[in-house]
Protein backbone atom coordinates (compact mmCIF):
# COMPACT_ATOMS: atom_id res chain seq x y z
CA MET A 1 23.29 29.74 10.51
CA THR A 2 24.27 32.50 13.49
CA ASP A 3 20.56 33.13 14.41
CA ALA A 4 17.82 30.70 15.24
CA TRP A 5 15.52 32.49 12.80
CA MET A 6 17.80 32.33 9.96
CA LEU A 7 16.61 30.27 7.04
CA ASP A 8 18.68 27.00 6.73
CA GLU A 9 19.66 27.48 3.21
CA LEU A 10 21.18 23.67 2.68
CA ALA A 11 17.23 22.07 3.37
CA HIS A 12 16.14 24.82 0.60
CA ALA A 13 18.59 23.52 -1.90
CA GLY A 14 17.10 20.38 -3.21
CA PRO A 15 18.23 17.26 -2.06
CA GLU A 16 19.24 16.32 -5.81
CA HIS A 17 22.16 18.90 -5.56
CA LEU A 18 23.06 17.42 -2.74
CA ASP A 19 23.45 14.31 -4.47
CA ASP A 20 27.02 13.11 -5.81
CA ALA A 21 25.32 10.76 -8.94
CA PHE A 22 22.76 13.96 -9.80
CA ILE A 23 25.81 16.21 -9.62
CA ALA A 24 28.18 13.97 -11.68
CA GLY A 25 24.99 14.44 -14.71
CA TYR A 26 24.24 18.12 -13.79
CA ASP A 27 25.77 19.70 -16.75
CA ARG A 28 24.43 17.01 -19.23
CA LYS A 29 21.10 17.96 -17.50
CA GLN A 30 21.35 21.89 -17.40
CA GLY A 31 22.72 22.36 -20.49
CA TYR A 32 26.26 23.73 -21.16
CA PRO A 33 25.18 27.50 -21.16
CA ASP A 34 27.89 30.04 -22.43
CA ALA A 35 29.79 32.19 -20.07
CA ASP A 36 30.89 34.82 -22.76
CA GLU A 37 27.69 36.94 -22.27
CA ASP A 38 28.19 37.04 -18.89
CA LEU A 39 31.80 37.92 -18.94
CA ALA A 40 30.93 40.43 -21.81
CA GLU A 41 28.53 42.13 -19.48
CA PHE A 42 31.06 42.42 -16.72
CA GLU A 43 33.54 43.37 -19.27
CA ALA A 44 31.50 46.51 -20.37
CA HIS A 45 31.20 47.67 -17.17
CA GLY A 46 35.02 48.13 -16.56
CA LEU A 47 35.83 44.86 -15.05
CA GLY A 48 39.21 43.23 -16.48
CA PRO A 49 42.10 41.09 -15.38
CA ASP A 50 42.62 42.78 -11.70
CA SER A 51 38.86 42.25 -11.09
CA ARG A 52 37.67 40.12 -8.05
CA VAL A 53 34.60 38.55 -8.83
CA VAL A 54 31.95 36.31 -6.58
CA ASP A 55 29.81 33.70 -8.11
CA LEU A 56 26.90 32.79 -5.61
CA GLY A 57 25.20 29.38 -6.36
CA ALA A 58 28.34 28.31 -8.44
CA GLY A 59 27.33 24.40 -9.05
CA THR A 60 29.71 22.89 -11.05
CA GLY A 61 31.57 26.03 -12.27
CA GLN A 62 30.18 26.82 -15.46
CA PHE A 63 30.51 30.66 -14.89
CA ALA A 64 33.37 30.43 -12.20
CA ILE A 65 35.96 28.13 -14.57
CA PRO A 66 35.81 30.60 -17.38
CA ALA A 67 35.61 33.59 -15.29
CA ALA A 68 38.68 32.77 -13.61
CA ARG A 69 40.48 32.86 -16.97
CA ARG A 70 39.67 36.14 -17.48
CA PHE A 71 39.32 38.33 -13.99
CA GLY A 72 42.01 38.33 -11.35
CA HIS A 73 40.40 36.39 -8.91
CA VAL A 74 36.88 34.39 -8.41
CA THR A 75 35.37 33.33 -5.49
CA ALA A 76 32.62 30.30 -5.89
CA VAL A 77 30.33 29.96 -3.66
CA ASP A 78 27.62 27.11 -3.13
CA VAL A 79 25.88 25.75 -0.49
CA SER A 80 26.12 22.35 -1.42
CA PRO A 81 29.14 20.44 0.01
CA ALA A 82 29.08 18.12 -2.97
CA MET A 83 28.87 20.92 -5.35
CA VAL A 84 31.47 22.14 -3.87
CA ALA A 85 33.68 19.33 -3.81
CA ALA A 86 33.18 18.66 -7.64
CA LEU A 87 34.17 22.24 -8.34
CA ASN A 88 37.27 21.82 -6.30
CA GLU A 89 38.19 19.08 -8.43
CA ARG A 90 37.47 20.88 -11.75
CA ALA A 91 39.30 23.68 -10.64
CA ALA A 92 42.26 21.69 -9.50
CA ARG A 93 42.06 19.98 -13.30
CA ALA A 94 41.86 23.27 -14.88
CA GLY A 95 45.16 24.59 -12.79
CA LEU A 96 43.58 28.04 -11.70
CA ALA A 97 44.99 28.87 -8.45
CA ASN A 98 42.84 32.25 -8.57
CA LEU A 99 39.63 30.70 -7.94
CA ASP A 100 38.78 29.71 -4.32
CA CYS A 101 35.60 27.49 -3.65
CA VAL A 102 33.57 28.29 -0.42
CA THR A 103 30.55 26.15 1.24
CA ALA A 104 27.99 28.93 1.76
CA GLY A 105 24.92 30.44 1.20
CA PHE A 106 23.39 33.78 -0.17
CA LEU A 107 22.97 34.35 3.93
CA SER A 108 25.77 32.59 5.22
CA TYR A 109 28.72 33.59 2.92
CA THR A 110 31.26 35.99 4.75
CA HIS A 111 33.36 37.95 2.29
CA ASP A 112 36.83 38.31 2.79
CA GLY A 113 39.52 41.03 1.62
CA PRO A 114 38.54 44.30 -0.68
CA PRO A 115 34.92 44.76 -1.92
CA ALA A 116 33.99 42.87 -4.99
CA ASP A 117 34.29 44.00 -8.26
CA GLY A 118 31.49 41.67 -9.74
CA VAL A 119 28.83 39.39 -8.46
CA HIS A 120 27.12 36.56 -10.51
CA THR A 121 24.43 34.34 -9.65
CA ARG A 122 22.61 31.76 -12.07
CA ASN A 123 19.71 29.44 -11.12
CA ALA A 124 19.96 30.03 -7.59
CA LEU A 125 18.08 32.99 -6.08
CA HIS A 126 14.94 30.90 -6.61
CA GLN A 127 15.90 28.35 -3.65
CA ILE A 128 15.09 30.80 -1.23
CA PRO A 129 11.61 32.63 -0.59
CA ASP A 130 10.85 36.48 -1.09
CA PHE A 131 11.67 37.73 1.90
CA TRP A 132 15.14 36.06 2.05
CA LYS A 133 15.56 37.45 -1.60
CA ALA A 134 15.37 40.75 -0.49
CA ILE A 135 17.80 40.08 2.27
CA ALA A 136 20.26 38.29 -0.07
CA LEU A 137 20.39 41.05 -2.73
CA GLN A 138 21.34 43.74 0.46
CA ARG A 139 23.96 41.16 1.34
CA ILE A 140 25.08 41.11 -2.18
CA ALA A 141 25.43 45.00 -2.64
CA ASP A 142 27.37 44.73 0.88
CA VAL A 143 29.89 42.31 -1.05
CA LEU A 144 30.08 45.31 -4.07
CA LYS A 145 32.24 48.22 -3.96
CA PRO A 146 30.40 50.97 -5.11
CA GLY A 147 29.64 50.71 -8.90
CA GLY A 148 30.21 47.45 -8.61
CA VAL A 149 28.49 44.99 -11.01
CA LEU A 150 25.65 42.29 -10.27
CA ARG A 151 24.72 40.09 -12.82
CA LEU A 152 21.65 37.82 -12.04
CA GLU A 153 20.01 35.15 -14.19
CA ASP A 154 17.02 32.73 -12.98
CA LEU A 155 13.73 31.50 -13.47
CA ILE A 156 11.60 34.51 -13.33
CA TYR A 157 7.73 35.11 -13.94
CA ASP A 158 7.22 37.88 -16.40
CA PHE A 159 3.05 37.45 -16.37
CA GLN A 160 0.64 38.16 -13.80
CA PRO A 161 -1.00 35.61 -11.64
CA GLY A 162 -4.12 35.32 -14.11
CA GLU A 163 -1.79 33.95 -16.94
CA ALA A 164 0.10 31.39 -14.83
CA ARG A 165 -1.90 28.58 -15.86
CA GLU A 166 -1.27 29.30 -19.61
CA VAL A 167 2.03 30.16 -19.39
CA PHE A 168 3.11 26.71 -17.68
CA THR A 169 1.08 25.13 -20.34
CA ASP A 170 2.93 26.14 -22.89
CA TRP A 171 6.38 25.66 -20.86
CA PHE A 172 5.47 22.19 -20.20
CA ALA A 173 4.82 21.26 -23.91
CA GLY A 174 8.67 22.10 -24.62
CA ALA A 175 9.82 19.88 -21.72
CA ALA A 176 12.19 17.18 -22.36
CA THR A 177 10.73 13.68 -22.53
CA ASN A 178 13.79 11.83 -21.52
CA PRO A 179 14.94 12.86 -17.85
CA ALA A 180 18.38 12.25 -19.02
CA ASP A 181 18.44 14.62 -21.66
CA GLY A 182 16.95 17.51 -19.70
CA TYR A 183 14.21 18.77 -17.72
CA THR A 184 10.57 17.13 -17.95
CA ALA A 185 7.23 18.43 -17.44
CA ALA A 186 7.10 16.79 -14.11
CA ASP A 187 10.64 18.86 -13.35
CA PHE A 188 9.03 21.97 -14.31
CA ALA A 189 5.56 21.14 -12.16
CA GLU A 190 8.16 20.06 -9.43
CA HIS A 191 9.60 23.42 -9.59
CA ILE A 192 6.65 25.74 -9.31
CA ARG A 193 5.31 23.71 -6.28
CA THR A 194 8.55 23.56 -4.34
CA GLU A 195 10.73 26.50 -5.06
CA PHE A 196 10.64 30.24 -4.78
CA SER A 197 10.85 31.57 -8.36
CA THR A 198 9.21 35.30 -7.84
CA PHE A 199 7.63 37.22 -10.16
CA ARG A 200 9.36 40.26 -12.48
CA TRP A 201 7.38 42.85 -10.62
CA LEU A 202 8.46 41.53 -7.11
CA LEU A 203 12.16 41.05 -7.97
CA GLU A 204 12.83 44.51 -9.37
CA PRO A 205 11.32 46.67 -6.44
CA MET A 206 13.82 44.36 -4.47
CA LEU A 207 16.68 45.23 -6.46
CA THR A 208 16.06 49.08 -6.06
CA ALA A 209 15.49 48.72 -2.76
CA ALA A 210 19.09 47.26 -2.12
CA GLY A 211 21.06 50.06 -3.84
CA PHE A 212 21.18 48.49 -7.29
CA GLU A 213 20.05 50.19 -10.40
CA ILE A 214 19.05 48.07 -13.26
CA ALA A 215 21.22 48.63 -16.14
CA GLU A 216 20.21 46.24 -18.50
CA VAL A 217 17.17 43.42 -18.93
CA SER A 218 16.79 40.49 -21.10
CA PHE A 219 13.77 37.89 -20.79
CA TRP A 220 13.06 34.51 -22.70
CA GLY A 221 9.55 32.78 -22.77
CA ARG A 222 8.02 34.81 -19.67
CA LEU A 223 10.14 32.43 -17.69
CA TYR A 224 14.20 33.34 -17.41
CA GLY A 225 15.32 36.89 -16.72
CA GLY A 226 18.88 38.17 -17.24
CA TYR A 227 19.60 41.48 -15.05
CA THR A 228 22.71 43.46 -14.98
CA CYS A 229 22.79 46.12 -12.05
CA VAL A 230 25.19 48.43 -10.94
CA LYS A 231 25.79 48.99 -7.43
CA ALA A 232 24.71 53.22 -6.63
CA PRO A 233 27.87 55.05 -5.88
C-alpha cells in the first residue's frame, strides 16, 4: 500500500490462502477447472503466441501455467506469498521461462513493459468490496492495450435481493459433505458472510465505467459468472 487510505488486500485474502497446509490441498478442494475455455476466448479475440497476458489472483497457476504454453509471456500475480511460492515451484518444474510470478494484488500490482494483450482473473475479485472492485477494474483497463481482452470469472449473484434465501438454500443443498472433497455448506455460508461477491447488476456498470465492452456473458446456477470484455479503442 502506498497511501494510508488504501485497502490492505492481504488482510482480505482469507487466512486459508496464506496457509501452506491449505495450499497443498487447494487444487483438490477447488476442483480442476479446464483452462481451455478461457484460452479459447482469448484466442478468439486475436491473442496468440506473441501475446502478453496477466493473471490476477493466479493462485496455484491453474490458468497461468497452461497459458504460458500458448502465449508469449504470462505474469502470474497473487497477493499471497505462500501461493506465489507454490506457483514458482510449479512453474520451475514445468520449465516455463516465459512465466513470471509477482506478489501483489489488484490494487498494488505495477505493470512493467508493453501493455498487456489480455488479463485473466478467476475467483479473486470477490475478495474486495465493491468500491475497490471499481478501482481494480479501472487499474486492469490501464494495464491493457486498446482492444485488449479481460476474462473474468467469479462468484457473482444473478438474482434480486429478495431471492437470496431461496438461491442460497439451493446452493447449500449441493455442497460437499466432506471438506476434503470440496466446499461445504458451512464454507458457502462463510463466503456469503465474510467475502464480497456482488450482484451482476452492480458489476456490469463497473465494467462499463472502466471502459470495457462486454462481449460474452455466461452464468451457472445464478451464482457464478464468466465475462469476456474488450477494452474500448
